[in-house]
């Protein structure tokens, strides 16, 4: 069951150390964030496993869900709540056949076709975007925009999380266009340390209606 509206995605490149990333995520969790995707694709397996285990502990303390990007083996190993799949990795249908109902499955999508395929394969939710310009999504081309979000929301019934260039001021429009929530990185993790980061998390949570 998807019981969150803000989906926080990690990017350790924003920090000088992995410990700084861990502290930043814990600040967000303390502010009320209830779902985190560990998305450190370039980490060696052993390092990723150690980080995932650490994140499982801190999300557990805050009663929050942990999703691991692409690595089903890591997700199962640390007892994560779910796995988040991209378009170039294991298909959603194959993962669903393996995990049955043991894990939630999220899927990154960038078109209506991909969204429909993800739902058909057994995904519990999708991210859809980029909706707006953002440095982390430049490789996916021009932003899709809110009209594309409106169209995809008419085609599928699973929750959609808008992603790409999410700002507090555009959340209302994203939700009105059919999204169940938003997924973001820099809006929270890119904020200054300490109270500012916590305040950013609370601002986004308030905008989506989780606080």
N, C-alpha and C. Protein backbone atom coordinates (compact mmCIF):
# COMPACT_ATOMS: atom_id res chain seq x y z
N UNK A 1 0.84 -1.20 0.00
CA UNK A 1 0.00 0.00 0.00
C UNK A 1 0.88 1.25 0.00
N UNK A 2 0.58 2.17 -0.90
CA UNK A 2 1.34 3.42 -0.98
C UNK A 2 0.70 4.44 -0.04
N UNK A 3 1.34 4.67 1.08
CA UNK A 3 0.79 5.55 2.10
C UNK A 3 1.64 6.80 2.30
N UNK A 4 2.33 7.21 1.24
CA UNK A 4 3.16 8.42 1.30
C UNK A 4 2.90 9.25 0.05
N UNK A 5 3.20 10.54 0.14
CA UNK A 5 3.01 11.44 -0.99
C UNK A 5 4.30 12.12 -1.41
N UNK A 6 5.32 12.03 -0.56
CA UNK A 6 6.63 12.60 -0.89
C UNK A 6 7.64 11.47 -0.91
N UNK A 7 8.34 11.34 -2.01
CA UNK A 7 9.28 10.24 -2.26
C UNK A 7 10.66 10.85 -2.40
N UNK A 8 11.49 10.72 -1.37
CA UNK A 8 12.82 11.33 -1.36
C UNK A 8 13.83 10.39 -1.99
N UNK A 9 14.59 10.90 -2.95
CA UNK A 9 15.59 10.11 -3.68
C UNK A 9 16.97 10.63 -3.34
N UNK A 10 17.91 9.72 -3.08
CA UNK A 10 19.23 10.13 -2.64
C UNK A 10 20.17 10.44 -3.81
N UNK A 11 21.16 11.28 -3.54
CA UNK A 11 22.24 11.58 -4.48
C UNK A 11 23.44 12.03 -3.65
N UNK A 12 24.36 11.10 -3.42
CA UNK A 12 25.47 11.41 -2.53
C UNK A 12 26.46 12.40 -3.14
N UNK A 13 26.32 12.68 -4.46
CA UNK A 13 27.19 13.66 -5.10
C UNK A 13 26.95 15.08 -4.57
N UNK A 14 25.85 15.27 -3.88
CA UNK A 14 25.56 16.58 -3.28
C UNK A 14 26.31 16.80 -1.98
N UNK A 15 27.03 15.77 -1.52
CA UNK A 15 27.65 15.82 -0.19
C UNK A 15 29.13 15.49 -0.26
N UNK A 16 29.85 15.93 0.74
CA UNK A 16 31.29 15.68 0.78
C UNK A 16 31.62 14.29 1.29
N UNK A 17 30.67 13.62 1.92
CA UNK A 17 30.90 12.27 2.43
C UNK A 17 29.58 11.51 2.52
N UNK A 18 29.69 10.18 2.57
CA UNK A 18 28.49 9.36 2.73
C UNK A 18 27.83 9.60 4.08
N UNK A 19 28.63 9.91 5.08
CA UNK A 19 28.06 10.21 6.40
C UNK A 19 27.19 11.46 6.35
N UNK A 20 27.62 12.44 5.54
CA UNK A 20 26.82 13.67 5.40
C UNK A 20 25.48 13.35 4.73
N UNK A 21 25.49 12.46 3.74
CA UNK A 21 24.24 12.05 3.10
C UNK A 21 23.33 11.37 4.12
N UNK A 22 23.89 10.48 4.91
CA UNK A 22 23.10 9.77 5.91
C UNK A 22 22.46 10.75 6.89
N UNK A 23 23.23 11.73 7.35
CA UNK A 23 22.70 12.72 8.28
C UNK A 23 21.59 13.54 7.63
N UNK A 24 21.77 13.90 6.36
CA UNK A 24 20.77 14.69 5.66
C UNK A 24 19.45 13.92 5.53
N UNK A 25 19.54 12.65 5.19
CA UNK A 25 18.34 11.85 5.06
C UNK A 25 17.65 11.69 6.41
N UNK A 26 18.45 11.52 7.46
CA UNK A 26 17.84 11.38 8.79
C UNK A 26 17.15 12.68 9.21
N UNK A 27 17.72 13.82 8.83
CA UNK A 27 17.05 15.09 9.11
C UNK A 27 15.70 15.15 8.41
N UNK A 28 15.66 14.69 7.15
CA UNK A 28 14.40 14.68 6.41
C UNK A 28 13.40 13.73 7.04
N UNK A 29 13.86 12.56 7.47
CA UNK A 29 12.98 11.60 8.13
C UNK A 29 12.45 12.16 9.45
N UNK A 30 13.30 12.85 10.18
CA UNK A 30 12.87 13.45 11.45
C UNK A 30 11.81 14.51 11.21
N UNK A 31 11.86 15.16 10.05
CA UNK A 31 10.87 16.19 9.72
C UNK A 31 9.55 15.60 9.25
N UNK A 32 9.54 14.28 8.95
CA UNK A 32 8.29 13.64 8.58
C UNK A 32 8.28 12.88 7.27
N UNK A 33 9.38 12.90 6.52
CA UNK A 33 9.44 12.13 5.27
C UNK A 33 9.27 10.65 5.57
N UNK A 34 8.45 9.95 4.77
CA UNK A 34 8.10 8.56 5.09
C UNK A 34 8.50 7.56 4.01
N UNK A 35 9.23 8.01 2.98
CA UNK A 35 9.68 7.08 1.94
C UNK A 35 10.97 7.60 1.32
N UNK A 36 11.96 6.72 1.23
CA UNK A 36 13.27 7.07 0.69
C UNK A 36 13.69 6.03 -0.33
N UNK A 37 14.18 6.52 -1.48
CA UNK A 37 14.79 5.62 -2.46
C UNK A 37 16.30 5.80 -2.42
N UNK A 38 17.02 4.71 -2.16
CA UNK A 38 18.48 4.73 -2.21
C UNK A 38 18.89 4.51 -3.66
N UNK A 39 19.45 5.54 -4.26
CA UNK A 39 19.69 5.55 -5.72
C UNK A 39 21.17 5.82 -6.03
N UNK A 40 22.05 5.11 -5.43
CA UNK A 40 23.48 5.32 -5.66
C UNK A 40 23.98 4.25 -6.64
N UNK A 41 23.68 4.46 -7.91
CA UNK A 41 23.89 3.45 -8.94
C UNK A 41 25.35 3.08 -9.15
N UNK A 42 26.27 4.01 -8.89
CA UNK A 42 27.66 3.75 -9.21
C UNK A 42 28.45 3.12 -8.06
N UNK A 43 27.81 2.87 -6.95
CA UNK A 43 28.51 2.26 -5.81
C UNK A 43 28.78 0.78 -6.07
N UNK A 44 29.98 0.31 -5.72
CA UNK A 44 30.24 -1.13 -5.79
C UNK A 44 29.27 -1.88 -4.88
N UNK A 45 29.03 -3.13 -5.20
CA UNK A 45 28.02 -3.90 -4.49
C UNK A 45 28.23 -3.92 -2.98
N UNK A 46 29.46 -4.16 -2.53
CA UNK A 46 29.70 -4.22 -1.09
C UNK A 46 29.39 -2.89 -0.42
N UNK A 47 29.81 -1.80 -1.03
CA UNK A 47 29.56 -0.47 -0.46
C UNK A 47 28.07 -0.15 -0.46
N UNK A 48 27.39 -0.52 -1.53
CA UNK A 48 25.96 -0.27 -1.61
C UNK A 48 25.21 -1.08 -0.56
N UNK A 49 25.63 -2.31 -0.36
CA UNK A 49 25.00 -3.15 0.66
C UNK A 49 25.16 -2.54 2.04
N UNK A 50 26.36 -2.04 2.34
CA UNK A 50 26.59 -1.41 3.65
C UNK A 50 25.73 -0.16 3.81
N UNK A 51 25.63 0.65 2.75
CA UNK A 51 24.80 1.85 2.83
C UNK A 51 23.34 1.48 2.97
N UNK A 52 22.90 0.48 2.22
CA UNK A 52 21.50 0.06 2.30
C UNK A 52 21.15 -0.44 3.69
N UNK A 53 22.06 -1.18 4.30
CA UNK A 53 21.82 -1.67 5.65
C UNK A 53 21.71 -0.50 6.63
N UNK A 54 22.56 0.49 6.46
CA UNK A 54 22.51 1.68 7.32
C UNK A 54 21.19 2.43 7.12
N UNK A 55 20.75 2.55 5.87
CA UNK A 55 19.49 3.25 5.59
C UNK A 55 18.29 2.46 6.09
N UNK A 56 18.38 1.13 6.05
CA UNK A 56 17.30 0.33 6.59
C UNK A 56 17.13 0.59 8.09
N UNK A 57 18.23 0.76 8.77
CA UNK A 57 18.16 1.03 10.22
C UNK A 57 17.53 2.39 10.49
N UNK A 58 17.95 3.42 9.74
CA UNK A 58 17.42 4.75 10.06
C UNK A 58 15.97 4.91 9.59
N UNK A 59 15.61 4.29 8.46
CA UNK A 59 14.20 4.36 8.05
C UNK A 59 13.33 3.57 9.02
N UNK A 60 13.88 2.47 9.54
CA UNK A 60 13.14 1.70 10.53
C UNK A 60 12.86 2.50 11.79
N UNK A 61 13.85 3.26 12.23
CA UNK A 61 13.67 4.08 13.44
C UNK A 61 12.57 5.13 13.26
N UNK A 62 12.39 5.56 12.03
CA UNK A 62 11.41 6.63 11.76
C UNK A 62 10.13 6.09 11.12
N UNK A 63 9.98 4.77 11.13
CA UNK A 63 8.78 4.14 10.57
C UNK A 63 8.54 4.58 9.12
N UNK A 64 9.62 4.64 8.36
CA UNK A 64 9.55 5.06 6.96
C UNK A 64 9.91 3.90 6.04
N UNK A 65 9.49 3.98 4.81
CA UNK A 65 9.76 2.93 3.84
C UNK A 65 11.07 3.18 3.10
N UNK A 66 11.76 2.07 2.81
CA UNK A 66 13.02 2.14 2.06
C UNK A 66 12.88 1.37 0.76
N UNK A 67 13.23 2.04 -0.35
CA UNK A 67 13.27 1.42 -1.67
C UNK A 67 14.71 1.45 -2.17
N UNK A 68 15.13 0.38 -2.81
CA UNK A 68 16.47 0.30 -3.38
C UNK A 68 16.36 0.39 -4.90
N UNK A 69 17.15 1.25 -5.50
CA UNK A 69 17.09 1.43 -6.94
C UNK A 69 17.70 0.23 -7.66
N UNK A 70 16.90 -0.43 -8.49
CA UNK A 70 17.31 -1.49 -9.40
C UNK A 70 17.79 -2.79 -8.75
N UNK A 71 18.48 -2.72 -7.62
CA UNK A 71 19.14 -3.90 -7.07
C UNK A 71 18.20 -4.72 -6.19
N UNK A 72 17.52 -5.65 -6.84
CA UNK A 72 16.61 -6.54 -6.13
C UNK A 72 17.35 -7.35 -5.07
N UNK A 73 18.57 -7.79 -5.39
CA UNK A 73 19.34 -8.59 -4.44
C UNK A 73 19.63 -7.81 -3.16
N UNK A 74 19.98 -6.53 -3.31
CA UNK A 74 20.27 -5.69 -2.14
C UNK A 74 18.99 -5.45 -1.35
N UNK A 75 17.91 -5.18 -2.05
CA UNK A 75 16.63 -4.93 -1.37
C UNK A 75 16.21 -6.12 -0.52
N UNK A 76 16.34 -7.31 -1.07
CA UNK A 76 15.98 -8.51 -0.33
C UNK A 76 16.94 -8.75 0.83
N UNK A 77 18.20 -8.47 0.60
CA UNK A 77 19.22 -8.74 1.62
C UNK A 77 19.02 -7.90 2.87
N UNK A 78 18.64 -6.63 2.71
CA UNK A 78 18.52 -5.75 3.88
C UNK A 78 17.09 -5.66 4.40
N UNK A 79 16.17 -6.36 3.74
CA UNK A 79 14.78 -6.28 4.18
C UNK A 79 14.12 -4.97 3.85
N UNK A 80 14.45 -4.42 2.69
CA UNK A 80 13.83 -3.16 2.26
C UNK A 80 12.34 -3.38 1.99
N UNK A 81 11.60 -2.28 1.93
CA UNK A 81 10.17 -2.35 1.66
C UNK A 81 9.88 -2.54 0.18
N UNK A 82 10.82 -2.10 -0.66
CA UNK A 82 10.56 -2.19 -2.08
C UNK A 82 11.79 -1.99 -2.91
N UNK A 83 11.61 -2.13 -4.21
CA UNK A 83 12.66 -1.90 -5.19
C UNK A 83 12.11 -0.92 -6.23
N UNK A 84 12.99 -0.05 -6.73
CA UNK A 84 12.57 0.91 -7.76
C UNK A 84 13.33 0.59 -9.04
N UNK A 85 12.60 0.34 -10.12
CA UNK A 85 13.18 -0.13 -11.36
C UNK A 85 13.22 0.95 -12.42
N UNK A 86 14.32 0.95 -13.19
CA UNK A 86 14.43 1.85 -14.32
C UNK A 86 13.97 1.15 -15.59
N UNK A 87 14.13 1.83 -16.71
CA UNK A 87 13.69 1.28 -17.99
C UNK A 87 14.73 0.37 -18.63
N UNK A 88 15.97 0.42 -18.17
CA UNK A 88 17.02 -0.35 -18.82
C UNK A 88 17.41 -1.61 -18.04
N UNK A 89 16.76 -1.85 -16.90
CA UNK A 89 17.11 -2.99 -16.07
C UNK A 89 16.11 -4.12 -16.18
N UNK A 90 15.93 -4.85 -15.07
CA UNK A 90 15.01 -5.98 -15.05
C UNK A 90 13.58 -5.47 -15.24
N UNK A 91 12.82 -6.10 -16.12
CA UNK A 91 11.43 -5.67 -16.32
C UNK A 91 10.59 -5.85 -15.06
N UNK A 92 9.61 -4.99 -14.91
CA UNK A 92 8.73 -5.05 -13.74
C UNK A 92 8.09 -6.43 -13.62
N UNK A 93 7.61 -6.98 -14.71
CA UNK A 93 6.90 -8.26 -14.67
C UNK A 93 7.79 -9.37 -14.11
N UNK A 94 9.07 -9.37 -14.50
CA UNK A 94 9.98 -10.41 -14.03
C UNK A 94 10.21 -10.29 -12.53
N UNK A 95 10.35 -9.06 -12.05
CA UNK A 95 10.55 -8.85 -10.61
C UNK A 95 9.31 -9.24 -9.83
N UNK A 96 8.14 -8.89 -10.34
CA UNK A 96 6.89 -9.23 -9.65
C UNK A 96 6.73 -10.75 -9.55
N UNK A 97 7.14 -11.47 -10.56
CA UNK A 97 7.04 -12.93 -10.52
C UNK A 97 7.93 -13.52 -9.43
N UNK A 98 9.05 -12.87 -9.18
CA UNK A 98 9.99 -13.36 -8.17
C UNK A 98 9.53 -13.01 -6.76
N UNK A 99 9.16 -11.75 -6.55
CA UNK A 99 8.89 -11.27 -5.18
C UNK A 99 7.44 -11.46 -4.76
N UNK A 100 6.55 -11.74 -5.73
CA UNK A 100 5.12 -11.85 -5.42
C UNK A 100 4.67 -10.57 -4.70
N UNK A 101 4.18 -10.71 -3.46
CA UNK A 101 3.74 -9.54 -2.69
C UNK A 101 4.70 -9.18 -1.57
N UNK A 102 5.93 -9.72 -1.62
CA UNK A 102 6.88 -9.46 -0.55
C UNK A 102 7.46 -8.05 -0.60
N UNK A 103 7.55 -7.49 -1.79
CA UNK A 103 8.11 -6.15 -1.95
C UNK A 103 7.18 -5.29 -2.79
N UNK A 104 7.18 -3.99 -2.50
CA UNK A 104 6.54 -3.03 -3.39
C UNK A 104 7.48 -2.73 -4.55
N UNK A 105 6.90 -2.42 -5.68
CA UNK A 105 7.70 -2.10 -6.87
C UNK A 105 7.32 -0.74 -7.40
N UNK A 106 8.32 0.14 -7.48
CA UNK A 106 8.16 1.42 -8.17
C UNK A 106 8.89 1.34 -9.49
N UNK A 107 8.51 2.17 -10.44
CA UNK A 107 9.14 2.13 -11.76
C UNK A 107 9.25 3.55 -12.32
N UNK A 108 10.42 3.87 -12.86
CA UNK A 108 10.62 5.16 -13.52
C UNK A 108 10.06 5.11 -14.92
N UNK A 109 9.24 6.08 -15.28
CA UNK A 109 8.65 6.14 -16.62
C UNK A 109 8.79 7.53 -17.20
N UNK A 110 8.84 7.57 -18.53
CA UNK A 110 9.07 8.83 -19.23
C UNK A 110 8.10 9.02 -20.40
N UNK A 111 7.08 8.17 -20.46
CA UNK A 111 6.07 8.27 -21.51
C UNK A 111 4.82 7.52 -21.07
N UNK A 112 3.72 7.77 -21.76
CA UNK A 112 2.47 7.06 -21.46
C UNK A 112 2.65 5.56 -21.71
N UNK A 113 3.34 5.19 -22.77
CA UNK A 113 3.55 3.78 -23.07
C UNK A 113 4.29 3.08 -21.92
N UNK A 114 5.35 3.69 -21.44
CA UNK A 114 6.11 3.09 -20.34
C UNK A 114 5.26 2.99 -19.08
N UNK A 115 4.43 3.98 -18.83
CA UNK A 115 3.57 3.96 -17.65
C UNK A 115 2.57 2.81 -17.73
N UNK A 116 1.96 2.64 -18.90
CA UNK A 116 0.99 1.55 -19.08
C UNK A 116 1.68 0.19 -18.92
N UNK A 117 2.87 0.06 -19.47
CA UNK A 117 3.62 -1.20 -19.35
C UNK A 117 3.98 -1.49 -17.90
N UNK A 118 4.36 -0.46 -17.16
CA UNK A 118 4.72 -0.65 -15.75
C UNK A 118 3.53 -1.14 -14.96
N UNK A 119 2.38 -0.52 -15.18
CA UNK A 119 1.18 -0.97 -14.48
C UNK A 119 0.83 -2.40 -14.87
N UNK A 120 0.90 -2.71 -16.14
CA UNK A 120 0.58 -4.05 -16.61
C UNK A 120 1.52 -5.11 -16.06
N UNK A 121 2.76 -4.71 -15.80
CA UNK A 121 3.74 -5.64 -15.28
C UNK A 121 3.63 -5.88 -13.79
N UNK A 122 2.85 -5.07 -13.11
CA UNK A 122 2.65 -5.27 -11.68
C UNK A 122 3.26 -4.22 -10.78
N UNK A 123 3.65 -3.07 -11.34
CA UNK A 123 4.20 -1.99 -10.50
C UNK A 123 3.13 -1.46 -9.55
N UNK A 124 3.55 -1.08 -8.36
CA UNK A 124 2.63 -0.49 -7.38
C UNK A 124 2.48 1.01 -7.59
N UNK A 125 3.52 1.64 -8.16
CA UNK A 125 3.47 3.07 -8.45
C UNK A 125 4.55 3.38 -9.47
N UNK A 126 4.46 4.56 -10.07
CA UNK A 126 5.49 5.01 -11.00
C UNK A 126 5.94 6.42 -10.65
N UNK A 127 7.15 6.75 -11.07
CA UNK A 127 7.53 8.16 -11.19
C UNK A 127 7.40 8.50 -12.66
N UNK A 128 7.01 9.74 -12.94
CA UNK A 128 6.76 10.17 -14.31
C UNK A 128 7.41 11.53 -14.52
N UNK A 129 8.27 11.60 -15.52
CA UNK A 129 8.95 12.85 -15.78
C UNK A 129 10.15 12.67 -16.70
N UNK A 130 10.97 13.71 -16.80
CA UNK A 130 10.92 14.93 -16.00
C UNK A 130 9.77 15.86 -16.41
N UNK A 131 9.12 16.43 -15.41
CA UNK A 131 8.05 17.37 -15.70
C UNK A 131 8.59 18.74 -16.07
N UNK A 132 9.68 19.14 -15.39
CA UNK A 132 10.29 20.45 -15.62
C UNK A 132 11.79 20.28 -15.76
N UNK A 133 12.48 21.33 -16.12
CA UNK A 133 13.93 21.28 -16.27
C UNK A 133 14.60 20.96 -14.93
N UNK A 134 15.56 20.03 -14.96
CA UNK A 134 16.32 19.69 -13.76
C UNK A 134 17.64 19.06 -14.16
N UNK A 135 18.75 19.39 -13.47
CA UNK A 135 20.06 18.85 -13.85
C UNK A 135 20.13 17.34 -13.83
N UNK A 136 19.41 16.69 -12.91
CA UNK A 136 19.54 15.24 -12.75
C UNK A 136 18.82 14.46 -13.85
N UNK A 137 18.01 15.15 -14.67
CA UNK A 137 17.22 14.44 -15.68
C UNK A 137 17.50 14.93 -17.11
N UNK A 138 18.63 15.60 -17.32
CA UNK A 138 18.92 16.15 -18.63
C UNK A 138 19.01 15.08 -19.71
N UNK A 139 19.49 13.88 -19.34
CA UNK A 139 19.67 12.81 -20.33
C UNK A 139 18.35 12.31 -20.89
N UNK A 140 17.23 12.64 -20.24
CA UNK A 140 15.94 12.19 -20.71
C UNK A 140 15.29 13.18 -21.68
N UNK A 141 16.00 14.25 -22.01
CA UNK A 141 15.50 15.18 -23.00
C UNK A 141 14.65 16.28 -22.40
N UNK A 142 13.83 16.87 -23.28
CA UNK A 142 13.01 17.99 -22.88
C UNK A 142 11.96 17.57 -21.86
N UNK A 143 11.59 18.48 -20.93
CA UNK A 143 10.58 18.15 -19.93
C UNK A 143 9.25 17.74 -20.59
N UNK A 144 8.55 16.84 -19.94
CA UNK A 144 7.28 16.35 -20.47
C UNK A 144 6.14 17.32 -20.24
N UNK A 145 6.19 18.04 -19.10
CA UNK A 145 5.16 19.03 -18.81
C UNK A 145 3.92 18.44 -18.17
N UNK A 146 3.06 19.32 -17.70
CA UNK A 146 1.87 18.91 -16.96
C UNK A 146 0.80 18.29 -17.85
N UNK A 147 0.75 18.68 -19.11
CA UNK A 147 -0.26 18.09 -19.99
C UNK A 147 0.00 16.60 -20.19
N UNK A 148 1.26 16.22 -20.31
CA UNK A 148 1.60 14.80 -20.42
C UNK A 148 1.21 14.06 -19.15
N UNK A 149 1.39 14.70 -18.01
CA UNK A 149 0.99 14.10 -16.74
C UNK A 149 -0.52 13.90 -16.70
N UNK A 150 -1.28 14.88 -17.17
CA UNK A 150 -2.74 14.75 -17.21
C UNK A 150 -3.15 13.56 -18.08
N UNK A 151 -2.48 13.41 -19.20
CA UNK A 151 -2.83 12.33 -20.12
C UNK A 151 -2.53 10.97 -19.52
N UNK A 152 -1.37 10.82 -18.91
CA UNK A 152 -1.01 9.51 -18.35
C UNK A 152 -1.89 9.17 -17.17
N UNK A 153 -2.32 10.17 -16.42
CA UNK A 153 -3.19 9.91 -15.27
C UNK A 153 -4.56 9.38 -15.69
N UNK A 154 -4.93 9.60 -16.94
CA UNK A 154 -6.20 9.08 -17.47
C UNK A 154 -6.06 7.64 -17.94
N UNK A 155 -4.81 7.20 -18.12
CA UNK A 155 -4.57 5.88 -18.71
C UNK A 155 -4.27 4.79 -17.68
N UNK A 156 -3.82 5.18 -16.49
CA UNK A 156 -3.46 4.18 -15.49
C UNK A 156 -4.14 4.51 -14.16
N UNK A 157 -4.18 3.52 -13.29
CA UNK A 157 -4.87 3.70 -12.00
C UNK A 157 -3.92 3.65 -10.81
N UNK A 158 -2.66 3.18 -11.01
CA UNK A 158 -1.72 3.16 -9.89
C UNK A 158 -1.20 4.58 -9.63
N UNK A 159 -0.71 4.85 -8.41
CA UNK A 159 -0.24 6.20 -8.09
C UNK A 159 0.92 6.66 -8.98
N UNK A 160 0.88 7.94 -9.32
CA UNK A 160 1.92 8.57 -10.12
C UNK A 160 2.61 9.63 -9.27
N UNK A 161 3.94 9.59 -9.27
CA UNK A 161 4.71 10.61 -8.57
C UNK A 161 5.43 11.46 -9.62
N UNK A 162 5.08 12.74 -9.66
CA UNK A 162 5.75 13.64 -10.58
C UNK A 162 7.20 13.84 -10.15
N UNK A 163 8.10 13.88 -11.13
CA UNK A 163 9.52 14.02 -10.84
C UNK A 163 10.16 14.96 -11.86
N UNK A 164 11.23 15.64 -11.44
CA UNK A 164 11.96 16.51 -12.35
C UNK A 164 11.61 17.97 -12.19
N UNK A 165 12.49 18.72 -11.53
CA UNK A 165 12.26 20.15 -11.36
C UNK A 165 11.16 20.49 -10.38
N UNK A 166 10.96 19.62 -9.39
CA UNK A 166 9.89 19.85 -8.42
C UNK A 166 10.27 21.00 -7.48
N UNK A 167 9.38 21.97 -7.40
CA UNK A 167 9.52 23.10 -6.48
C UNK A 167 8.26 23.19 -5.63
N UNK A 168 8.39 23.82 -4.47
CA UNK A 168 7.21 23.93 -3.61
C UNK A 168 6.08 24.68 -4.31
N UNK A 169 6.46 25.63 -5.18
CA UNK A 169 5.43 26.46 -5.82
C UNK A 169 4.71 25.74 -6.97
N UNK A 170 5.26 24.61 -7.47
CA UNK A 170 4.53 23.94 -8.55
C UNK A 170 3.84 22.65 -8.11
N UNK A 171 3.91 22.34 -6.83
CA UNK A 171 3.30 21.10 -6.35
C UNK A 171 1.78 21.10 -6.52
N UNK A 172 1.14 22.21 -6.26
CA UNK A 172 -0.32 22.27 -6.39
C UNK A 172 -0.75 21.92 -7.81
N UNK A 173 -0.05 22.46 -8.80
CA UNK A 173 -0.37 22.18 -10.20
C UNK A 173 -0.13 20.70 -10.54
N UNK A 174 0.94 20.14 -9.97
CA UNK A 174 1.27 18.73 -10.23
C UNK A 174 0.17 17.81 -9.68
N UNK A 175 -0.28 18.09 -8.48
CA UNK A 175 -1.33 17.28 -7.89
C UNK A 175 -2.65 17.44 -8.65
N UNK A 176 -2.95 18.65 -9.07
CA UNK A 176 -4.18 18.89 -9.83
C UNK A 176 -4.14 18.21 -11.20
N UNK A 177 -2.92 17.97 -11.72
CA UNK A 177 -2.79 17.31 -13.02
C UNK A 177 -2.90 15.80 -12.92
N UNK A 178 -3.06 15.27 -11.70
CA UNK A 178 -3.30 13.84 -11.56
C UNK A 178 -2.28 13.06 -10.78
N UNK A 179 -1.23 13.71 -10.29
CA UNK A 179 -0.22 12.99 -9.52
C UNK A 179 -0.72 12.71 -8.11
N UNK A 180 -0.27 11.58 -7.57
CA UNK A 180 -0.58 11.24 -6.18
C UNK A 180 0.42 11.88 -5.23
N UNK A 181 1.56 12.32 -5.77
CA UNK A 181 2.60 12.92 -4.94
C UNK A 181 3.76 13.33 -5.81
N UNK A 182 4.89 13.64 -5.18
CA UNK A 182 6.07 14.08 -5.90
C UNK A 182 7.30 13.33 -5.42
N UNK A 183 8.26 13.18 -6.32
CA UNK A 183 9.55 12.59 -5.99
C UNK A 183 10.62 13.65 -6.25
N UNK A 184 11.56 13.77 -5.33
CA UNK A 184 12.56 14.82 -5.51
C UNK A 184 13.87 14.49 -4.81
N UNK A 185 14.90 15.22 -5.22
CA UNK A 185 16.24 15.09 -4.63
C UNK A 185 16.66 16.43 -4.05
N UNK A 186 16.94 17.37 -4.93
CA UNK A 186 17.57 18.63 -4.53
C UNK A 186 16.68 19.52 -3.68
N UNK A 187 15.38 19.41 -3.86
CA UNK A 187 14.49 20.28 -3.09
C UNK A 187 14.70 20.16 -1.61
N UNK A 188 15.08 18.96 -1.16
CA UNK A 188 15.36 18.74 0.27
C UNK A 188 16.85 18.55 0.51
N UNK A 189 17.47 17.62 -0.20
CA UNK A 189 18.87 17.30 0.06
C UNK A 189 19.82 18.40 -0.40
N UNK A 190 19.35 19.25 -1.30
CA UNK A 190 20.17 20.36 -1.75
C UNK A 190 20.10 21.58 -0.85
N UNK A 191 19.25 21.52 0.18
CA UNK A 191 19.13 22.64 1.12
C UNK A 191 20.31 22.65 2.08
N UNK A 192 20.49 23.76 2.73
CA UNK A 192 21.58 23.87 3.71
C UNK A 192 21.35 22.91 4.87
N UNK A 193 22.41 22.59 5.56
CA UNK A 193 22.33 21.59 6.64
C UNK A 193 21.45 22.06 7.80
N UNK A 194 21.03 21.08 8.57
CA UNK A 194 20.36 21.38 9.83
C UNK A 194 18.94 21.85 9.67
N UNK A 195 18.61 22.95 10.35
CA UNK A 195 17.23 23.41 10.40
C UNK A 195 16.68 23.76 9.02
N UNK A 196 17.52 24.29 8.13
CA UNK A 196 17.04 24.65 6.80
C UNK A 196 16.58 23.43 6.02
N UNK A 197 17.34 22.33 6.15
CA UNK A 197 16.95 21.10 5.44
C UNK A 197 15.67 20.54 6.03
N UNK A 198 15.57 20.54 7.34
CA UNK A 198 14.34 20.07 7.99
C UNK A 198 13.16 20.95 7.60
N UNK A 199 13.40 22.24 7.55
CA UNK A 199 12.33 23.17 7.17
C UNK A 199 11.89 22.93 5.73
N UNK A 200 12.85 22.65 4.85
CA UNK A 200 12.50 22.36 3.45
C UNK A 200 11.63 21.12 3.37
N UNK A 201 12.01 20.09 4.12
CA UNK A 201 11.21 18.86 4.12
C UNK A 201 9.80 19.13 4.61
N UNK A 202 9.68 19.89 5.68
CA UNK A 202 8.34 20.18 6.22
C UNK A 202 7.53 21.02 5.23
N UNK A 203 8.18 21.93 4.52
CA UNK A 203 7.47 22.74 3.54
C UNK A 203 6.89 21.87 2.42
N UNK A 204 7.70 20.96 1.90
CA UNK A 204 7.22 20.06 0.84
C UNK A 204 6.13 19.13 1.38
N UNK A 205 6.31 18.61 2.56
CA UNK A 205 5.31 17.72 3.14
C UNK A 205 3.98 18.43 3.34
N UNK A 206 4.05 19.68 3.74
CA UNK A 206 2.83 20.47 3.89
C UNK A 206 2.15 20.70 2.55
N UNK A 207 2.94 20.99 1.53
CA UNK A 207 2.38 21.26 0.21
C UNK A 207 1.67 20.05 -0.37
N UNK A 208 2.23 18.84 -0.14
CA UNK A 208 1.57 17.66 -0.70
C UNK A 208 0.45 17.13 0.20
N UNK A 209 0.39 17.64 1.44
CA UNK A 209 -0.68 17.25 2.33
C UNK A 209 -0.34 16.14 3.31
N UNK A 210 0.96 15.89 3.52
CA UNK A 210 1.36 14.86 4.49
C UNK A 210 1.53 15.42 5.88
N UNK A 211 1.62 16.74 6.01
CA UNK A 211 1.72 17.35 7.33
C UNK A 211 0.50 18.26 7.54
